[in-house]
Amino acid sequence: MGKRKFYIEFSGTAKIELDDAVIDTVDLEWKNFFYDLDTPEEIAKMIARGIILNGWSLHQMDGWADQPDSNARIIHEPDWEIDVVEAKEVK
């Protein structure tokens, strides 16, 4: 038996709530050490990816380990629509 690779496309809409402390943490020094995030929307996108897709809590994410998990919470979980497309074999 071999192995097969798949591309999985997810779509859905979620709603999260972030305490101002989550956004205010991201300053120039923080960006030089962790990630180059410039806007509250970029920060929200990264936090959402971590807590929704990866199942992490806020304290498990680089740069926010000192914050309580209650500073980032999911208000509405997405109703996922999933399309699976088999990828071409990679050699």
Protein backbone atom coordinates (compact mmCIF):
# COMPACT_ATOMS: atom_id res chain seq x y z
CA MET A 1 0.00 0.00 0.00
CA GLY A 2 1.22 3.47 -0.87
CA LYS A 3 0.56 6.90 0.47
CA ARG A 4 -1.61 9.54 -1.14
CA LYS A 5 -1.62 13.30 -0.60
CA PHE A 6 -4.76 15.42 -0.51
CA TYR A 7 -5.52 19.10 -0.60
CA ILE A 8 -8.38 19.91 1.74
CA GLU A 9 -10.30 23.14 1.27
CA PHE A 10 -12.25 24.47 4.24
CA SER A 11 -14.70 27.29 4.16
CA GLY A 12 -16.83 28.69 6.89
CA THR A 13 -17.31 31.76 9.00
CA ALA A 14 -16.48 32.04 12.68
CA LYS A 15 -16.68 34.86 15.17
CA ILE A 16 -14.10 35.45 17.90
CA GLU A 17 -13.74 37.99 20.67
CA LEU A 18 -10.33 39.42 21.60
CA ASP A 19 -9.53 41.48 24.66
CA ASP A 20 -7.71 44.71 23.81
CA ALA A 21 -4.67 43.31 25.66
CA VAL A 22 -4.23 40.71 22.89
CA ILE A 23 -3.99 43.42 20.24
CA ASP A 24 -2.06 45.92 22.40
CA THR A 25 0.67 43.34 23.04
CA VAL A 26 1.74 43.51 19.40
CA ASP A 27 4.23 46.37 19.25
CA LEU A 28 7.49 46.84 17.32
CA GLU A 29 9.57 44.83 19.81
CA TRP A 30 6.98 42.01 19.78
CA LYS A 31 6.94 41.98 15.94
CA ASN A 32 10.74 41.78 15.79
CA PHE A 33 10.71 38.71 18.03
CA PHE A 34 7.55 36.87 16.94
CA TYR A 35 5.47 37.67 13.84
CA ASP A 36 5.14 40.67 11.55
CA LEU A 37 1.49 41.49 12.23
CA ASP A 38 0.39 45.05 11.50
CA THR A 39 -3.36 45.32 11.92
CA PRO A 40 -5.95 44.07 14.40
CA GLU A 41 -7.42 42.02 11.55
CA GLU A 42 -4.08 40.23 10.97
CA ILE A 43 -3.83 39.54 14.70
CA ALA A 44 -7.40 38.23 14.82
CA LYS A 45 -6.75 35.99 11.82
CA MET A 46 -3.68 34.46 13.47
CA ILE A 47 -5.43 33.96 16.81
CA ALA A 48 -8.47 32.43 15.08
CA ARG A 49 -6.28 30.02 13.13
CA GLY A 50 -4.65 28.89 16.37
CA ILE A 51 -7.75 28.47 18.49
CA ILE A 52 -10.17 27.20 15.83
CA LEU A 53 -8.06 25.16 13.42
CA ASN A 54 -5.30 24.00 15.78
CA GLY A 55 -7.34 23.76 18.98
CA TRP A 56 -4.85 25.83 20.97
CA SER A 57 -5.62 28.07 23.91
CA LEU A 58 -4.30 31.63 23.89
CA HIS A 59 -1.58 30.83 26.43
CA GLN A 60 -0.20 28.18 24.04
CA MET A 61 0.47 30.71 21.28
CA ASP A 62 3.84 32.41 20.80
CA GLY A 63 3.71 35.95 22.12
CA TRP A 64 0.56 35.52 24.22
CA ALA A 65 1.70 32.87 26.73
CA ASP A 66 1.38 35.34 29.61
CA GLN A 67 -2.27 36.16 28.86
CA PRO A 68 -5.31 34.36 30.25
CA ASP A 69 -7.18 32.17 27.79
CA SER A 70 -10.31 34.24 28.43
CA ASN A 71 -8.70 37.09 26.42
CA ALA A 72 -9.49 35.21 23.20
CA ARG A 73 -12.66 33.20 22.83
CA ILE A 74 -14.78 31.72 20.10
CA ILE A 75 -18.25 33.25 19.97
CA HIS A 76 -19.46 31.24 16.97
CA GLU A 77 -17.87 28.04 15.65
CA PRO A 78 -17.92 27.69 11.88
CA ASP A 79 -20.26 25.31 10.14
CA TRP A 80 -17.62 23.77 7.91
CA GLU A 81 -18.09 23.09 4.26
CA ILE A 82 -15.37 20.75 3.06
CA ASP A 83 -14.33 19.93 -0.49
CA VAL A 84 -11.66 17.27 -0.88
CA VAL A 85 -9.55 17.26 -4.02
CA GLU A 86 -6.96 14.55 -4.61
CA ALA A 87 -3.61 16.11 -5.48
CA LYS A 88 -1.28 15.00 -8.25
CA GLU A 89 1.44 12.62 -7.17
CA VAL A 90 4.60 14.40 -6.07
CA LYS A 91 7.83 12.69 -7.13
